[in-house]
Amino acid sequence: MTDIVFIEGLRLDALIGVHDRERHAPQPLLLDIRMRFDNRIAASSDTLADALDYEAVSVRLAEYVAQTDFMLVETLAECCADLILTEFGAKGVRLKLSKPDALANAAAVGVEIERGSFAS
């Protein structure tokens, strides 16, 4: 099984960072998420309840991220991946978390992680 449900460029604001200038106001983050999920049941039933609901994932992540104040993007990425695995039943998740405004001379910085399984 190699089905992937994805969300690209999910823009969320978070209070995150280690520098004093980052601790006063939320800053934008971008998330690219690939979730391993068996889509065959949903495809057969044509029912959202059988699918990995990407809108529900994005809403839940927005709620979660808005209430965090982690220092490191590594911590936030780990917690977001765990949330997707435990609350939405994904078998695996690849998550790229970018801070587009972190460095003046770079388009973005961040981390990419993979948790769970992406094997068939």
C-alpha atoms as a PDB file:
ATOM      1  CA  MET A   1       0.000   0.000   0.000  1.00  0.00           C
ATOM      2  CA  THR A   2       1.551   3.266  -1.117  1.00  0.00           C
ATOM      3  CA  ASP A   3      -1.319   5.740  -1.044  1.00  0.00           C
ATOM      4  CA  ILE A   4      -0.388   9.277  -0.043  1.00  0.00           C
ATOM      5  CA  VAL A   5      -2.687  12.076   1.074  1.00  0.00           C
ATOM      6  CA  PHE A   6      -0.865  15.394   0.984  1.00  0.00           C
ATOM      7  CA  ILE A   7      -1.113  19.015   2.041  1.00  0.00           C
ATOM      8  CA  GLU A   8       1.317  21.471   0.458  1.00  0.00           C
ATOM      9  CA  GLY A   9       2.119  24.963   1.626  1.00  0.00           C
ATOM     10  CA  LEU A  10      -0.104  24.984   4.708  1.00  0.00           C
ATOM     11  CA  ARG A  11       0.515  28.427   6.167  1.00  0.00           C
ATOM     12  CA  LEU A  12       0.240  28.687   9.945  1.00  0.00           C
ATOM     13  CA  ASP A  13       1.423  31.303  12.426  1.00  0.00           C
ATOM     14  CA  ALA A  14       3.354  30.256  15.519  1.00  0.00           C
ATOM     15  CA  LEU A  15       5.327  31.722  18.348  1.00  0.00           C
ATOM     16  CA  ILE A  16       8.594  29.883  17.760  1.00  0.00           C
ATOM     17  CA  GLY A  17      12.296  30.570  17.883  1.00  0.00           C
ATOM     18  CA  VAL A  18      15.268  30.917  20.187  1.00  0.00           C
ATOM     19  CA  HIS A  19      16.082  34.588  19.586  1.00  0.00           C
ATOM     20  CA  ASP A  20      14.447  37.405  21.563  1.00  0.00           C
ATOM     21  CA  ARG A  21      13.135  38.954  18.341  1.00  0.00           C
ATOM     22  CA  GLU A  22      11.208  35.718  17.652  1.00  0.00           C
ATOM     23  CA  ARG A  23       9.552  35.502  21.059  1.00  0.00           C
ATOM     24  CA  HIS A  24       7.335  38.606  20.845  1.00  0.00           C
ATOM     25  CA  ALA A  25       4.928  37.786  18.035  1.00  0.00           C
ATOM     26  CA  PRO A  26       3.870  34.783  15.994  1.00  0.00           C
ATOM     27  CA  GLN A  27       5.674  34.261  12.695  1.00  0.00           C
ATOM     28  CA  PRO A  28       4.584  32.417   9.559  1.00  0.00           C
ATOM     29  CA  LEU A  29       5.407  28.776   9.026  1.00  0.00           C
ATOM     30  CA  LEU A  30       4.828  26.629   5.956  1.00  0.00           C
ATOM     31  CA  LEU A  31       4.101  22.923   6.217  1.00  0.00           C
ATOM     32  CA  ASP A  32       4.284  20.357   3.444  1.00  0.00           C
ATOM     33  CA  ILE A  33       2.791  17.091   4.654  1.00  0.00           C
ATOM     34  CA  ARG A  34       2.628  13.649   3.061  1.00  0.00           C
ATOM     35  CA  MET A  35       0.529  11.106   4.950  1.00  0.00           C
ATOM     36  CA  ARG A  36       0.530   7.379   4.183  1.00  0.00           C
ATOM     37  CA  PHE A  37      -3.030   6.071   4.292  1.00  0.00           C
ATOM     38  CA  ASP A  38      -4.916   3.237   2.610  1.00  0.00           C
ATOM     39  CA  ASN A  39      -7.413   5.035   0.361  1.00  0.00           C
ATOM     40  CA  ARG A  40      -9.067   1.884  -1.026  1.00  0.00           C
ATOM     41  CA  ILE A  41     -11.932   1.818   1.479  1.00  0.00           C
ATOM     42  CA  ALA A  42     -12.742   5.501   0.925  1.00  0.00           C
ATOM     43  CA  ALA A  43     -12.489   5.062  -2.839  1.00  0.00           C
ATOM     44  CA  SER A  44     -14.938   2.168  -2.681  1.00  0.00           C
ATOM     45  CA  SER A  45     -17.434   3.812  -0.319  1.00  0.00           C
ATOM     46  CA  ASP A  46     -17.068   7.379  -1.646  1.00  0.00           C
ATOM     47  CA  THR A  47     -17.534   8.487   1.972  1.00  0.00           C
ATOM     48  CA  LEU A  48     -15.468  11.109   3.768  1.00  0.00           C
ATOM     49  CA  ALA A  49     -15.695   9.161   7.026  1.00  0.00           C
ATOM     50  CA  ASP A  50     -13.554   6.441   5.416  1.00  0.00           C
ATOM     51  CA  ALA A  51     -10.926   8.887   4.155  1.00  0.00           C
ATOM     52  CA  LEU A  52      -8.039  10.733   5.754  1.00  0.00           C
ATOM     53  CA  ASP A  53      -9.704  14.144   5.828  1.00  0.00           C
ATOM     54  CA  TYR A  54      -7.011  16.650   4.850  1.00  0.00           C
ATOM     55  CA  GLU A  55      -9.235  19.582   5.831  1.00  0.00           C
ATOM     56  CA  ALA A  56      -9.677  18.141   9.339  1.00  0.00           C
ATOM     57  CA  VAL A  57      -5.910  17.604   9.557  1.00  0.00           C
ATOM     58  CA  SER A  58      -5.198  21.203   8.547  1.00  0.00           C
ATOM     59  CA  VAL A  59      -7.761  22.627  10.980  1.00  0.00           C
ATOM     60  CA  ARG A  60      -6.430  20.507  13.850  1.00  0.00           C
ATOM     61  CA  LEU A  61      -2.827  21.479  13.097  1.00  0.00           C
ATOM     62  CA  ALA A  62      -3.798  25.160  12.976  1.00  0.00           C
ATOM     63  CA  GLU A  63      -5.471  24.872  16.386  1.00  0.00           C
ATOM     64  CA  TYR A  64      -2.512  23.004  17.841  1.00  0.00           C
ATOM     65  CA  VAL A  65       0.225  25.234  16.415  1.00  0.00           C
ATOM     66  CA  ALA A  66      -1.583  28.401  17.547  1.00  0.00           C
ATOM     67  CA  GLN A  67      -1.330  27.312  21.183  1.00  0.00           C
ATOM     68  CA  THR A  68       2.344  26.297  21.165  1.00  0.00           C
ATOM     69  CA  ASP A  69       5.419  28.332  22.006  1.00  0.00           C
ATOM     70  CA  PHE A  70       8.293  25.962  21.297  1.00  0.00           C
ATOM     71  CA  MET A  71      11.818  27.216  20.879  1.00  0.00           C
ATOM     72  CA  LEU A  72      12.792  24.755  18.127  1.00  0.00           C
ATOM     73  CA  VAL A  73      11.149  23.860  14.818  1.00  0.00           C
ATOM     74  CA  GLU A  74      12.414  20.327  15.469  1.00  0.00           C
ATOM     75  CA  THR A  75      10.116  20.066  18.494  1.00  0.00           C
ATOM     76  CA  LEU A  76       7.105  21.470  16.671  1.00  0.00           C
ATOM     77  CA  ALA A  77       7.645  19.192  13.662  1.00  0.00           C
ATOM     78  CA  GLU A  78       7.888  16.137  15.917  1.00  0.00           C
ATOM     79  CA  CYS A  79       4.687  17.043  17.766  1.00  0.00           C
ATOM     80  CA  CYS A  80       2.773  17.726  14.534  1.00  0.00           C
ATOM     81  CA  ALA A  81       3.848  14.398  13.043  1.00  0.00           C
ATOM     82  CA  ASP A  82       2.818  12.580  16.219  1.00  0.00           C
ATOM     83  CA  LEU A  83      -0.573  14.318  16.179  1.00  0.00           C
ATOM     84  CA  ILE A  84      -1.221  13.179  12.603  1.00  0.00           C
ATOM     85  CA  LEU A  85      -0.228   9.602  13.374  1.00  0.00           C
ATOM     86  CA  THR A  86      -2.217   9.289  16.595  1.00  0.00           C
ATOM     87  CA  GLU A  87      -5.328  11.361  15.874  1.00  0.00           C
ATOM     88  CA  PHE A  88      -5.873  10.624  12.178  1.00  0.00           C
ATOM     89  CA  GLY A  89      -4.627   7.076  11.758  1.00  0.00           C
ATOM     90  CA  ALA A  90      -1.985   7.784   9.148  1.00  0.00           C
ATOM     91  CA  LYS A  91       0.495   4.908   8.876  1.00  0.00           C
ATOM     92  CA  GLY A  92       3.371   7.270   8.161  1.00  0.00           C
ATOM     93  CA  VAL A  93       4.039  10.968   7.779  1.00  0.00           C
ATOM     94  CA  ARG A  94       6.664  13.053   6.043  1.00  0.00           C
ATOM     95  CA  LEU A  95       6.576  16.631   7.224  1.00  0.00           C
ATOM     96  CA  LYS A  96       8.572  19.624   6.041  1.00  0.00           C
ATOM     97  CA  LEU A  97       8.320  22.640   8.325  1.00  0.00           C
ATOM     98  CA  SER A  98       9.740  25.884   6.920  1.00  0.00           C
ATOM     99  CA  LYS A  99      10.293  29.306   8.484  1.00  0.00           C
ATOM    100  CA  PRO A 100      10.224  31.629   5.470  1.00  0.00           C
ATOM    101  CA  ASP A 101      11.202  34.792   7.377  1.00  0.00           C
ATOM    102  CA  ALA A 102      13.968  33.351   9.561  1.00  0.00           C
ATOM    103  CA  LEU A 103      16.975  34.511   7.524  1.00  0.00           C
ATOM    104  CA  ALA A 104      17.107  37.662   5.421  1.00  0.00           C
ATOM    105  CA  ASN A 105      19.278  36.015   2.760  1.00  0.00           C
ATOM    106  CA  ALA A 106      17.370  32.709   2.449  1.00  0.00           C
ATOM    107  CA  ALA A 107      13.949  31.821   1.076  1.00  0.00           C
ATOM    108  CA  ALA A 108      13.317  29.561   4.074  1.00  0.00           C
ATOM    109  CA  VAL A 109      14.921  27.371   6.710  1.00  0.00           C
ATOM    110  CA  GLY A 110      13.488  24.438   8.593  1.00  0.00           C
ATOM    111  CA  VAL A 111      13.392  20.700   8.999  1.00  0.00           C
ATOM    112  CA  GLU A 112      12.032  17.640   7.239  1.00  0.00           C
ATOM    113  CA  ILE A 113      11.145  14.531   9.211  1.00  0.00           C
ATOM    114  CA  GLU A 114       9.639  11.135   8.489  1.00  0.00           C
ATOM    115  CA  ARG A 115       7.795   9.147  11.136  1.00  0.00           C
ATOM    116  CA  GLY A 116       5.908   5.888  10.947  1.00  0.00           C
ATOM    117  CA  SER A 117       6.244   3.605   7.968  1.00  0.00           C
ATOM    118  CA  PHE A 118       6.322   4.304   4.250  1.00  0.00           C
ATOM    119  CA  ALA A 119       6.924   0.680   3.281  1.00  0.00           C
ATOM    120  CA  SER A 120       4.155  -1.329   1.658  1.00  0.00           C
END
